[in-house]
Amino acid sequence: MEYVTPVPHPRSEAAGPARAGRRSLAVALLSGALGAAVALLATRQEWSQGTATVAGGSFPLTATGSDVTGVPASLAIVGLAALVAVFAVRRAGRFVVAALLALSGAGTIAAALLGVGDSSALDEQAAKASGDTSATVDALSHTAWPYVAVAGGALLLLAGLLALRYGRQWPAMSGRYERSGAPRPRRQAPAADPDRPEDIWKALDRGEDPTSA
């Protein structure tokens, strides 16, 4: 008895990459939008606390994420814009935008981690409160919000990596919205009927010779 090797159906082979593309698209959209929102929210929260000592005693000081560094919020906005722009470009342009999205996430992570040990914002507040430019803050402590911003950056980075890996399989804006530099073909007017005077006059108005047809 001869054994026949089953031939895989072309449609079943194409379904695998298409399914992976749809899943990666959904994950990238969710993680990118959520990551940008989390990073923006975290920068508005309190990141560090401390006390400043002056002649009359000591008083508490606090600094938000935007006081410490404005980089995570800026990069979160850039990443969100890049996430939307991924669907407006194709080929090499999509690769560049996806790389920008990934870099925005990586930059958000780095800036938030650097902000964990940054006391410059509180030192500046202590100098203003005491009138001494060399004054620094005491009993410095930090909240968990910088690490929340790190998590937001990680989600942006994930979205960028998915766009780099699977972006070629994602849909793009319809071609009817894209304008090409090629001139549109001119519609050819119907030939003038010599038996109809109105057609002859219309041809003459267009600068055509009605007798050349």
N, C-alpha and C. Protein backbone atom coordinates (compact mmCIF):
# COMPACT_ATOMS: atom_id res chain seq x y z
N MET A 1 0.85 -1.20 0.00
CA MET A 1 0.00 0.00 0.00
C MET A 1 0.88 1.24 0.00
N GLU A 2 0.64 2.10 -0.93
CA GLU A 2 1.46 3.30 -1.08
C GLU A 2 0.96 4.39 -0.12
N TYR A 3 1.91 4.99 0.59
CA TYR A 3 1.56 6.06 1.55
C TYR A 3 1.68 7.42 0.87
N VAL A 4 0.61 8.17 0.95
CA VAL A 4 0.56 9.49 0.32
C VAL A 4 0.76 10.56 1.39
N THR A 5 1.77 11.39 1.20
CA THR A 5 2.04 12.46 2.16
C THR A 5 1.01 13.56 2.00
N PRO A 6 0.31 13.90 3.07
CA PRO A 6 -0.70 14.95 2.95
C PRO A 6 -0.07 16.30 2.65
N VAL A 7 -0.68 17.02 1.74
CA VAL A 7 -0.19 18.34 1.34
C VAL A 7 -0.93 19.40 2.15
N PRO A 8 -0.22 20.26 2.87
CA PRO A 8 -0.91 21.28 3.66
C PRO A 8 -1.66 22.26 2.77
N HIS A 9 -2.80 22.66 3.22
CA HIS A 9 -3.63 23.60 2.47
C HIS A 9 -3.00 24.98 2.54
N PRO A 10 -2.90 25.70 1.40
CA PRO A 10 -2.29 27.04 1.42
C PRO A 10 -3.00 28.00 2.36
N ARG A 11 -4.31 27.84 2.49
CA ARG A 11 -5.05 28.77 3.34
C ARG A 11 -4.69 28.57 4.81
N SER A 12 -4.46 27.30 5.22
CA SER A 12 -4.09 27.04 6.61
C SER A 12 -2.69 27.55 6.91
N GLU A 13 -1.78 27.52 5.89
CA GLU A 13 -0.44 28.05 6.11
C GLU A 13 -0.46 29.56 6.26
N ALA A 14 -1.30 30.24 5.53
CA ALA A 14 -1.38 31.70 5.61
C ALA A 14 -2.11 32.17 6.86
N ALA A 15 -2.91 31.28 7.46
CA ALA A 15 -3.69 31.70 8.63
C ALA A 15 -2.79 31.95 9.84
N GLY A 16 -1.66 31.21 9.93
CA GLY A 16 -0.78 31.38 11.08
C GLY A 16 -0.20 32.78 11.19
N PRO A 17 0.51 33.29 10.15
CA PRO A 17 1.03 34.66 10.22
C PRO A 17 -0.05 35.72 10.38
N ALA A 18 -1.19 35.51 9.74
CA ALA A 18 -2.27 36.49 9.86
C ALA A 18 -2.80 36.56 11.29
N ARG A 19 -2.94 35.40 11.93
CA ARG A 19 -3.40 35.36 13.32
C ARG A 19 -2.37 36.02 14.25
N ALA A 20 -1.09 35.75 14.01
CA ALA A 20 -0.04 36.38 14.82
C ALA A 20 -0.03 37.88 14.63
N GLY A 21 -0.29 38.33 13.40
CA GLY A 21 -0.33 39.77 13.14
C GLY A 21 -1.47 40.44 13.88
N ARG A 22 -2.64 39.81 13.89
CA ARG A 22 -3.79 40.38 14.59
C ARG A 22 -3.55 40.43 16.09
N ARG A 23 -2.99 39.36 16.64
CA ARG A 23 -2.73 39.35 18.08
C ARG A 23 -1.68 40.38 18.47
N SER A 24 -0.61 40.46 17.69
CA SER A 24 0.43 41.44 18.01
C SER A 24 -0.10 42.86 17.89
N LEU A 25 -0.98 43.10 16.93
CA LEU A 25 -1.56 44.43 16.77
C LEU A 25 -2.39 44.81 17.98
N ALA A 26 -3.21 43.87 18.45
CA ALA A 26 -4.05 44.16 19.62
C ALA A 26 -3.20 44.40 20.86
N VAL A 27 -2.17 43.59 21.05
CA VAL A 27 -1.30 43.75 22.22
C VAL A 27 -0.54 45.06 22.15
N ALA A 28 -0.04 45.41 20.96
CA ALA A 28 0.72 46.64 20.81
C ALA A 28 -0.14 47.87 21.07
N LEU A 29 -1.35 47.88 20.54
CA LEU A 29 -2.25 49.01 20.77
C LEU A 29 -2.58 49.17 22.25
N LEU A 30 -2.90 48.05 22.90
CA LEU A 30 -3.25 48.10 24.31
C LEU A 30 -2.07 48.53 25.17
N SER A 31 -0.91 47.88 24.95
CA SER A 31 0.25 48.21 25.78
C SER A 31 0.77 49.61 25.51
N GLY A 32 0.74 50.05 24.27
CA GLY A 32 1.22 51.39 23.95
C GLY A 32 0.36 52.48 24.55
N ALA A 33 -0.97 52.36 24.38
CA ALA A 33 -1.87 53.36 24.94
C ALA A 33 -1.84 53.35 26.46
N LEU A 34 -1.84 52.15 27.04
CA LEU A 34 -1.80 52.04 28.50
C LEU A 34 -0.47 52.55 29.05
N GLY A 35 0.64 52.22 28.38
CA GLY A 35 1.94 52.67 28.84
C GLY A 35 2.07 54.18 28.84
N ALA A 36 1.60 54.83 27.78
CA ALA A 36 1.66 56.29 27.73
C ALA A 36 0.80 56.91 28.84
N ALA A 37 -0.40 56.35 29.06
CA ALA A 37 -1.28 56.89 30.09
C ALA A 37 -0.67 56.71 31.48
N VAL A 38 -0.07 55.55 31.73
CA VAL A 38 0.53 55.28 33.04
C VAL A 38 1.72 56.21 33.28
N ALA A 39 2.56 56.38 32.27
CA ALA A 39 3.73 57.25 32.43
C ALA A 39 3.31 58.70 32.69
N LEU A 40 2.30 59.18 31.96
CA LEU A 40 1.83 60.55 32.16
C LEU A 40 1.21 60.72 33.55
N LEU A 41 0.44 59.72 33.99
CA LEU A 41 -0.16 59.79 35.31
C LEU A 41 0.90 59.79 36.40
N ALA A 42 1.93 58.95 36.24
CA ALA A 42 2.97 58.84 37.26
C ALA A 42 3.75 60.12 37.42
N THR A 43 3.97 60.86 36.34
CA THR A 43 4.76 62.08 36.44
C THR A 43 4.02 63.19 37.17
N ARG A 44 2.74 63.05 37.33
CA ARG A 44 1.96 64.07 38.04
C ARG A 44 1.85 63.78 39.54
N GLN A 45 2.38 62.65 39.95
CA GLN A 45 2.28 62.25 41.35
C GLN A 45 3.55 62.63 42.11
N GLU A 46 3.49 62.46 43.42
CA GLU A 46 4.62 62.80 44.28
C GLU A 46 5.70 61.73 44.18
N TRP A 47 6.92 62.16 43.84
CA TRP A 47 8.03 61.23 43.68
C TRP A 47 8.97 61.22 44.89
N SER A 48 9.20 62.36 45.50
CA SER A 48 10.19 62.44 46.59
C SER A 48 9.71 63.36 47.69
N GLN A 49 10.24 63.11 48.88
CA GLN A 49 9.90 63.90 50.08
C GLN A 49 11.18 64.20 50.84
N GLY A 50 11.14 65.26 51.64
CA GLY A 50 12.30 65.63 52.45
C GLY A 50 11.95 66.76 53.38
N THR A 51 12.90 67.20 54.15
CA THR A 51 12.71 68.32 55.08
C THR A 51 13.83 69.34 54.87
N ALA A 52 13.48 70.59 55.01
CA ALA A 52 14.44 71.68 54.92
C ALA A 52 14.54 72.36 56.28
N THR A 53 15.74 72.64 56.71
CA THR A 53 15.98 73.25 58.02
C THR A 53 16.35 74.72 57.83
N VAL A 54 15.60 75.58 58.48
CA VAL A 54 15.87 77.01 58.46
C VAL A 54 15.98 77.49 59.91
N ALA A 55 16.18 78.80 60.06
CA ALA A 55 16.38 79.35 61.41
C ALA A 55 15.19 79.09 62.31
N GLY A 56 13.99 79.13 61.75
CA GLY A 56 12.81 78.94 62.57
C GLY A 56 12.45 77.49 62.81
N GLY A 57 13.18 76.57 62.25
CA GLY A 57 12.88 75.15 62.41
C GLY A 57 12.97 74.42 61.09
N SER A 58 12.28 73.32 60.96
CA SER A 58 12.29 72.52 59.73
C SER A 58 10.86 72.35 59.23
N PHE A 59 10.73 72.17 57.92
CA PHE A 59 9.40 71.98 57.33
C PHE A 59 9.54 71.01 56.17
N PRO A 60 8.45 70.27 55.86
CA PRO A 60 8.52 69.24 54.82
C PRO A 60 8.48 69.83 53.42
N LEU A 61 9.08 69.12 52.50
CA LEU A 61 9.07 69.49 51.09
C LEU A 61 8.71 68.26 50.27
N THR A 62 8.01 68.47 49.17
CA THR A 62 7.65 67.38 48.26
C THR A 62 7.92 67.81 46.82
N ALA A 63 8.16 66.84 45.98
CA ALA A 63 8.39 67.10 44.56
C ALA A 63 7.66 66.06 43.73
N THR A 64 6.96 66.51 42.70
CA THR A 64 6.28 65.60 41.79
C THR A 64 7.25 65.11 40.72
N GLY A 65 6.78 64.17 39.94
CA GLY A 65 7.62 63.65 38.88
C GLY A 65 8.01 64.71 37.86
N SER A 66 7.08 65.59 37.53
CA SER A 66 7.39 66.66 36.58
C SER A 66 8.37 67.66 37.16
N ASP A 67 8.42 67.80 38.51
CA ASP A 67 9.42 68.66 39.14
C ASP A 67 10.81 68.04 39.03
N VAL A 68 10.86 66.72 39.15
CA VAL A 68 12.16 66.03 39.11
C VAL A 68 12.71 65.98 37.70
N THR A 69 11.89 65.54 36.74
CA THR A 69 12.31 65.46 35.34
C THR A 69 11.08 65.51 34.45
N GLY A 70 11.19 66.23 33.35
CA GLY A 70 10.09 66.29 32.39
C GLY A 70 10.25 65.32 31.24
N VAL A 71 11.31 64.51 31.27
CA VAL A 71 11.60 63.60 30.15
C VAL A 71 10.56 62.50 30.01
N PRO A 72 10.16 61.80 31.09
CA PRO A 72 9.19 60.71 30.91
C PRO A 72 7.87 61.17 30.29
N ALA A 73 7.37 62.31 30.73
CA ALA A 73 6.10 62.80 30.17
C ALA A 73 6.25 63.14 28.70
N SER A 74 7.35 63.80 28.35
CA SER A 74 7.57 64.16 26.94
C SER A 74 7.70 62.93 26.07
N LEU A 75 8.46 61.94 26.54
CA LEU A 75 8.65 60.73 25.75
C LEU A 75 7.37 59.91 25.66
N ALA A 76 6.53 59.97 26.69
CA ALA A 76 5.24 59.26 26.63
C ALA A 76 4.35 59.84 25.54
N ILE A 77 4.37 61.16 25.40
CA ILE A 77 3.59 61.81 24.34
C ILE A 77 4.15 61.45 22.97
N VAL A 78 5.49 61.46 22.85
CA VAL A 78 6.12 61.07 21.59
C VAL A 78 5.78 59.63 21.25
N GLY A 79 5.82 58.75 22.24
CA GLY A 79 5.49 57.35 22.00
C GLY A 79 4.05 57.16 21.57
N LEU A 80 3.14 57.90 22.17
CA LEU A 80 1.73 57.79 21.79
C LEU A 80 1.52 58.28 20.35
N ALA A 81 2.19 59.36 19.99
CA ALA A 81 2.10 59.85 18.61
C ALA A 81 2.69 58.85 17.63
N ALA A 82 3.80 58.22 18.01
CA ALA A 82 4.42 57.22 17.14
C ALA A 82 3.52 56.00 16.98
N LEU A 83 2.81 55.63 18.05
CA LEU A 83 1.89 54.49 17.97
C LEU A 83 0.80 54.74 16.94
N VAL A 84 0.28 55.96 16.90
CA VAL A 84 -0.74 56.30 15.91
C VAL A 84 -0.14 56.39 14.52
N ALA A 85 1.08 56.95 14.43
CA ALA A 85 1.71 57.13 13.12
C ALA A 85 2.12 55.82 12.47
N VAL A 86 2.23 54.76 13.24
CA VAL A 86 2.60 53.45 12.66
C VAL A 86 1.63 53.05 11.57
N PHE A 87 0.36 53.41 11.71
CA PHE A 87 -0.66 52.99 10.76
C PHE A 87 -0.80 53.97 9.59
N ALA A 88 -0.07 55.08 9.64
CA ALA A 88 -0.14 56.07 8.57
C ALA A 88 0.99 55.93 7.57
N VAL A 89 1.97 55.09 7.88
CA VAL A 89 3.13 54.93 7.00
C VAL A 89 3.30 53.46 6.65
N ARG A 90 4.15 53.21 5.69
CA ARG A 90 4.39 51.83 5.24
C ARG A 90 5.88 51.60 5.03
N ARG A 91 6.23 50.35 4.92
CA ARG A 91 7.58 49.91 4.57
C ARG A 91 8.63 50.54 5.49
N ALA A 92 9.60 51.27 4.91
CA ALA A 92 10.69 51.83 5.70
C ALA A 92 10.19 52.86 6.70
N GLY A 93 9.18 53.62 6.32
CA GLY A 93 8.63 54.61 7.24
C GLY A 93 8.03 53.97 8.47
N ARG A 94 7.39 52.83 8.30
CA ARG A 94 6.82 52.12 9.45
C ARG A 94 7.91 51.60 10.37
N PHE A 95 9.02 51.14 9.80
CA PHE A 95 10.14 50.67 10.61
C PHE A 95 10.73 51.81 11.44
N VAL A 96 10.87 52.98 10.83
CA VAL A 96 11.44 54.13 11.54
C VAL A 96 10.53 54.56 12.69
N VAL A 97 9.22 54.62 12.43
CA VAL A 97 8.28 55.03 13.47
C VAL A 97 8.22 53.99 14.59
N ALA A 98 8.28 52.72 14.24
CA ALA A 98 8.29 51.67 15.26
C ALA A 98 9.54 51.76 16.13
N ALA A 99 10.69 52.07 15.50
CA ALA A 99 11.92 52.26 16.27
C ALA A 99 11.80 53.45 17.21
N LEU A 100 11.16 54.52 16.74
CA LEU A 100 10.95 55.69 17.60
C LEU A 100 10.06 55.35 18.79
N LEU A 101 9.05 54.53 18.56
CA LEU A 101 8.18 54.09 19.64
C LEU A 101 8.96 53.29 20.68
N ALA A 102 9.81 52.37 20.21
CA ALA A 102 10.61 51.58 21.14
C ALA A 102 11.60 52.44 21.91
N LEU A 103 12.22 53.39 21.23
CA LEU A 103 13.18 54.29 21.89
C LEU A 103 12.48 55.18 22.91
N SER A 104 11.25 55.57 22.63
CA SER A 104 10.50 56.37 23.60
C SER A 104 10.27 55.59 24.89
N GLY A 105 9.94 54.31 24.74
CA GLY A 105 9.77 53.48 25.93
C GLY A 105 11.06 53.30 26.70
N ALA A 106 12.16 53.03 25.98
CA ALA A 106 13.44 52.84 26.65
C ALA A 106 13.89 54.13 27.34
N GLY A 107 13.67 55.27 26.69
CA GLY A 107 14.04 56.55 27.30
C GLY A 107 13.22 56.86 28.54
N THR A 108 11.94 56.51 28.51
CA THR A 108 11.08 56.72 29.68
C THR A 108 11.58 55.89 30.86
N ILE A 109 11.96 54.65 30.60
CA ILE A 109 12.49 53.80 31.67
C ILE A 109 13.76 54.40 32.26
N ALA A 110 14.69 54.81 31.40
CA ALA A 110 15.96 55.35 31.88
C ALA A 110 15.77 56.63 32.67
N ALA A 111 14.92 57.54 32.17
CA ALA A 111 14.71 58.82 32.85
C ALA A 111 14.03 58.62 34.20
N ALA A 112 13.08 57.69 34.27
CA ALA A 112 12.39 57.45 35.54
C ALA A 112 13.33 56.82 36.57
N LEU A 113 14.20 55.92 36.14
CA LEU A 113 15.15 55.31 37.07
C LEU A 113 16.17 56.33 37.57
N LEU A 114 16.60 57.22 36.69
CA LEU A 114 17.52 58.27 37.11
C LEU A 114 16.85 59.23 38.09
N GLY A 115 15.54 59.41 37.95
CA GLY A 115 14.82 60.32 38.84
C GLY A 115 14.61 59.76 40.24
N VAL A 116 14.81 58.46 40.42
CA VAL A 116 14.61 57.86 41.75
C VAL A 116 15.56 58.47 42.77
N GLY A 117 16.81 58.64 42.41
CA GLY A 117 17.79 59.18 43.36
C GLY A 117 18.10 60.64 43.17
N ASP A 118 17.29 61.34 42.37
CA ASP A 118 17.55 62.75 42.10
C ASP A 118 16.93 63.62 43.19
N SER A 119 17.75 64.42 43.85
CA SER A 119 17.26 65.31 44.92
C SER A 119 17.36 66.78 44.52
N SER A 120 17.68 67.06 43.26
CA SER A 120 17.91 68.45 42.84
C SER A 120 16.65 69.30 42.97
N ALA A 121 15.48 68.70 42.68
CA ALA A 121 14.24 69.48 42.78
C ALA A 121 13.96 69.90 44.22
N LEU A 122 14.18 68.98 45.16
CA LEU A 122 13.97 69.33 46.57
C LEU A 122 15.06 70.27 47.08
N ASP A 123 16.29 70.10 46.61
CA ASP A 123 17.36 71.01 47.02
C ASP A 123 17.06 72.43 46.56
N GLU A 124 16.51 72.55 45.38
CA GLU A 124 16.15 73.88 44.87
C GLU A 124 15.05 74.50 45.72
N GLN A 125 14.09 73.70 46.11
CA GLN A 125 13.03 74.22 46.99
C GLN A 125 13.60 74.62 48.35
N ALA A 126 14.53 73.84 48.89
CA ALA A 126 15.14 74.16 50.18
C ALA A 126 15.94 75.45 50.10
N ALA A 127 16.63 75.66 48.98
CA ALA A 127 17.40 76.88 48.81
C ALA A 127 16.49 78.11 48.76
N LYS A 128 15.36 77.98 48.09
CA LYS A 128 14.42 79.10 48.01
C LYS A 128 13.79 79.38 49.37
N ALA A 129 13.47 78.32 50.10
CA ALA A 129 12.81 78.52 51.39
C ALA A 129 13.74 79.12 52.44
N SER A 130 15.01 78.74 52.39
CA SER A 130 15.95 79.22 53.41
C SER A 130 16.69 80.48 52.99
N GLY A 131 16.67 80.80 51.71
CA GLY A 131 17.43 81.94 51.23
C GLY A 131 18.90 81.66 51.10
N ASP A 132 19.29 80.42 51.28
CA ASP A 132 20.69 80.00 51.18
C ASP A 132 20.85 79.10 49.96
N THR A 133 21.62 79.54 48.98
CA THR A 133 21.75 78.77 47.75
C THR A 133 22.46 77.44 47.95
N SER A 134 23.17 77.31 49.06
CA SER A 134 23.89 76.06 49.32
C SER A 134 23.08 75.08 50.18
N ALA A 135 21.85 75.46 50.54
CA ALA A 135 21.03 74.61 51.40
C ALA A 135 20.59 73.36 50.64
N THR A 136 20.49 72.26 51.36
CA THR A 136 20.05 71.00 50.77
C THR A 136 18.94 70.39 51.64
N VAL A 137 18.27 69.42 51.10
CA VAL A 137 17.16 68.80 51.79
C VAL A 137 17.69 67.67 52.67
N ASP A 138 17.02 67.44 53.78
CA ASP A 138 17.39 66.36 54.70
C ASP A 138 16.30 65.29 54.70
N ALA A 139 16.64 64.12 55.18
CA ALA A 139 15.70 63.00 55.32
C ALA A 139 14.98 62.73 54.01
N LEU A 140 15.77 62.58 52.95
CA LEU A 140 15.21 62.37 51.62
C LEU A 140 14.62 60.96 51.50
N SER A 141 13.42 60.87 50.95
CA SER A 141 12.78 59.58 50.69
C SER A 141 12.00 59.66 49.38
N HIS A 142 11.70 58.51 48.81
CA HIS A 142 11.02 58.45 47.52
C HIS A 142 9.81 57.53 47.60
N THR A 143 8.84 57.82 46.75
CA THR A 143 7.63 57.00 46.67
C THR A 143 7.81 55.95 45.58
N ALA A 144 6.77 55.20 45.34
CA ALA A 144 6.82 54.15 44.31
C ALA A 144 6.45 54.67 42.92
N TRP A 145 6.06 55.93 42.80
CA TRP A 145 5.60 56.44 41.52
C TRP A 145 6.67 56.43 40.43
N PRO A 146 7.96 56.67 40.74
CA PRO A 146 8.96 56.54 39.66
C PRO A 146 8.97 55.15 39.03
N TYR A 147 8.74 54.13 39.84
CA TYR A 147 8.72 52.77 39.31
C TYR A 147 7.44 52.50 38.51
N VAL A 148 6.38 53.21 38.83
CA VAL A 148 5.17 53.13 38.01
C VAL A 148 5.45 53.71 36.63
N ALA A 149 6.20 54.82 36.58
CA ALA A 149 6.60 55.39 35.30
C ALA A 149 7.49 54.43 34.52
N VAL A 150 8.35 53.69 35.24
CA VAL A 150 9.18 52.66 34.60
C VAL A 150 8.29 51.60 33.95
N ALA A 151 7.24 51.19 34.65
CA ALA A 151 6.31 50.20 34.09
C ALA A 151 5.63 50.74 32.84
N GLY A 152 5.26 52.02 32.86
CA GLY A 152 4.67 52.62 31.67
C GLY A 152 5.64 52.63 30.51
N GLY A 153 6.91 52.95 30.78
CA GLY A 153 7.91 52.91 29.73
C GLY A 153 8.12 51.51 29.19
N ALA A 154 8.04 50.51 30.06
CA ALA A 154 8.19 49.12 29.61
C ALA A 154 7.06 48.72 28.66
N LEU A 155 5.86 49.20 28.92
CA LEU A 155 4.74 48.90 28.02
C LEU A 155 4.94 49.58 26.67
N LEU A 156 5.45 50.82 26.68
CA LEU A 156 5.75 51.50 25.41
C LEU A 156 6.84 50.75 24.65
N LEU A 157 7.84 50.30 25.37
CA LEU A 157 8.92 49.55 24.73
C LEU A 157 8.39 48.26 24.11
N LEU A 158 7.50 47.57 24.81
CA LEU A 158 6.90 46.35 24.28
C LEU A 158 6.14 46.64 23.00
N ALA A 159 5.37 47.72 23.00
CA ALA A 159 4.61 48.08 21.79
C ALA A 159 5.57 48.36 20.62
N GLY A 160 6.68 49.04 20.89
CA GLY A 160 7.63 49.31 19.83
C GLY A 160 8.30 48.06 19.29
N LEU A 161 8.65 47.13 20.18
CA LEU A 161 9.26 45.89 19.74
C LEU A 161 8.29 45.04 18.91
N LEU A 162 7.02 45.04 19.31
CA LEU A 162 6.02 44.31 18.53
C LEU A 162 5.85 44.95 17.15
N ALA A 163 5.89 46.28 17.10
CA ALA A 163 5.76 46.97 15.81
C ALA A 163 6.97 46.67 14.91
N LEU A 164 8.14 46.57 15.51
CA LEU A 164 9.33 46.22 14.72
C LEU A 164 9.26 44.80 14.20
N ARG A 165 8.71 43.91 14.98
CA ARG A 165 8.68 42.49 14.61
C ARG A 165 7.52 42.16 13.67
N TYR A 166 6.34 42.67 13.97
CA TYR A 166 5.15 42.28 13.22
C TYR A 166 4.52 43.43 12.43
N GLY A 167 5.14 44.60 12.43
CA GLY A 167 4.52 45.76 11.79
C GLY A 167 4.22 45.58 10.32
N ARG A 168 5.02 44.76 9.63
CA ARG A 168 4.77 44.55 8.20
C ARG A 168 3.46 43.83 7.93
N GLN A 169 2.93 43.13 8.93
CA GLN A 169 1.67 42.40 8.77
C GLN A 169 0.46 43.22 9.19
N TRP A 170 0.69 44.40 9.72
CA TRP A 170 -0.42 45.22 10.19
C TRP A 170 -1.02 46.02 9.05
N PRO A 171 -2.31 46.34 9.14
CA PRO A 171 -2.94 47.14 8.08
C PRO A 171 -2.47 48.59 8.14
N ALA A 172 -2.66 49.28 7.03
CA ALA A 172 -2.32 50.70 6.94
C ALA A 172 -3.54 51.46 6.46
N MET A 173 -3.43 52.77 6.48
CA MET A 173 -4.53 53.59 5.98
C MET A 173 -4.80 53.27 4.52
N SER A 174 -6.04 53.42 4.12
CA SER A 174 -6.43 53.09 2.76
C SER A 174 -5.65 53.94 1.77
N GLY A 175 -5.30 53.34 0.63
CA GLY A 175 -4.53 54.04 -0.38
C GLY A 175 -5.27 55.21 -1.00
N ARG A 176 -6.58 55.25 -0.85
CA ARG A 176 -7.32 56.36 -1.45
C ARG A 176 -7.06 57.67 -0.73
N TYR A 177 -6.50 57.59 0.51
CA TYR A 177 -6.17 58.80 1.23
C TYR A 177 -4.76 59.28 0.93
N GLU A 178 -3.99 58.50 0.19
CA GLU A 178 -2.62 58.86 -0.14
C GLU A 178 -2.60 59.50 -1.51
N ARG A 179 -1.86 60.61 -1.64
CA ARG A 179 -1.76 61.34 -2.88
C ARG A 179 -0.42 61.03 -3.53
N SER A 180 -0.44 60.66 -4.77
CA SER A 180 0.79 60.39 -5.49
C SER A 180 1.14 61.58 -6.37
N GLY A 181 2.40 61.65 -6.77
CA GLY A 181 2.84 62.76 -7.58
C GLY A 181 2.50 62.60 -9.04
N ALA A 182 2.00 61.44 -9.46
CA ALA A 182 1.68 61.21 -10.86
C ALA A 182 0.43 61.99 -11.24
N PRO A 183 0.43 62.65 -12.41
CA PRO A 183 -0.77 63.39 -12.83
C PRO A 183 -1.92 62.45 -13.16
N ARG A 184 -3.12 62.91 -12.87
CA ARG A 184 -4.29 62.09 -13.16
C ARG A 184 -4.54 62.05 -14.66
N PRO A 185 -4.93 60.89 -15.20
CA PRO A 185 -5.22 60.82 -16.64
C PRO A 185 -6.43 61.66 -17.00
N ARG A 186 -6.30 62.38 -18.10
CA ARG A 186 -7.38 63.26 -18.54
C ARG A 186 -8.46 62.46 -19.23
N ARG A 187 -9.70 62.76 -18.84
CA ARG A 187 -10.83 62.05 -19.45
C ARG A 187 -10.97 62.45 -20.91
N GLN A 188 -11.10 61.44 -21.73
CA GLN A 188 -11.24 61.68 -23.16
C GLN A 188 -12.70 61.98 -23.48
N ALA A 189 -12.92 63.14 -24.05
CA ALA A 189 -14.29 63.52 -24.41
C ALA A 189 -14.75 62.68 -25.60
N PRO A 190 -16.05 62.35 -25.65
CA PRO A 190 -16.56 61.57 -26.79
C PRO A 190 -16.41 62.34 -28.10
N ALA A 191 -16.21 61.60 -29.16
CA ALA A 191 -16.05 62.23 -30.48
C ALA A 191 -17.33 62.95 -30.89
N ALA A 192 -17.12 64.06 -31.58
CA ALA A 192 -18.28 64.87 -32.01
C ALA A 192 -19.01 64.17 -33.15
N ASP A 193 -20.33 64.20 -33.08
CA ASP A 193 -21.16 63.62 -34.13
C ASP A 193 -21.41 64.70 -35.17
N PRO A 194 -20.95 64.52 -36.42
CA PRO A 194 -21.13 65.57 -37.44
C PRO A 194 -22.59 65.85 -37.76
N ASP A 195 -23.47 64.91 -37.41
CA ASP A 195 -24.89 65.13 -37.68
C ASP A 195 -25.57 65.92 -36.58
N ARG A 196 -24.85 66.22 -35.50
CA ARG A 196 -25.43 66.97 -34.38
C ARG A 196 -24.66 68.28 -34.23
N PRO A 197 -25.25 69.39 -34.57
CA PRO A 197 -24.55 70.69 -34.49
C PRO A 197 -24.06 71.03 -33.08
N GLU A 198 -24.82 70.62 -32.05
CA GLU A 198 -24.39 70.96 -30.69
C GLU A 198 -23.09 70.28 -30.31
N ASP A 199 -22.87 69.04 -30.83
CA ASP A 199 -21.60 68.36 -30.56
C ASP A 199 -20.45 69.07 -31.26
N ILE A 200 -20.71 69.59 -32.46
CA ILE A 200 -19.66 70.30 -33.19
C ILE A 200 -19.26 71.56 -32.45
N TRP A 201 -20.25 72.31 -31.92
CA TRP A 201 -19.94 73.55 -31.18
C TRP A 201 -19.20 73.23 -29.89
N LYS A 202 -19.58 72.15 -29.20
CA LYS A 202 -18.86 71.77 -27.98
C LYS A 202 -17.41 71.41 -28.28
N ALA A 203 -17.17 70.72 -29.38
CA ALA A 203 -15.81 70.36 -29.75
C ALA A 203 -14.99 71.60 -30.06
N LEU A 204 -15.61 72.56 -30.76
CA LEU A 204 -14.91 73.79 -31.06
C LEU A 204 -14.58 74.58 -29.80
N ASP A 205 -15.51 74.56 -28.81
CA ASP A 205 -15.24 75.24 -27.53
C ASP A 205 -14.06 74.61 -26.81
N ARG A 206 -13.88 73.30 -26.96
CA ARG A 206 -12.76 72.61 -26.30
C ARG A 206 -11.46 72.77 -27.08
N GLY A 207 -11.51 73.43 -28.22
CA GLY A 207 -10.32 73.60 -29.04
C GLY A 207 -10.00 72.40 -29.88
N GLU A 208 -10.99 71.55 -30.16
CA GLU A 208 -10.77 70.35 -30.94
C GLU A 208 -11.30 70.56 -32.35
N ASP A 209 -10.77 69.75 -33.26
CA ASP A 209 -11.22 69.79 -34.65
C ASP A 209 -12.26 68.71 -34.85
N PRO A 210 -13.54 69.07 -35.00
CA PRO A 210 -14.58 68.03 -35.14
C PRO A 210 -14.46 67.22 -36.41
N THR A 211 -13.71 67.69 -37.38
CA THR A 211 -13.58 66.94 -38.64
C THR A 211 -12.47 65.91 -38.61
N SER A 212 -11.69 65.90 -37.47
CA SER A 212 -10.55 64.96 -37.41
C SER A 212 -10.97 63.58 -36.93
N ALA A 213 -12.18 63.41 -36.43
CA ALA A 213 -12.62 62.12 -35.91
C ALA A 213 -12.85 61.15 -37.05
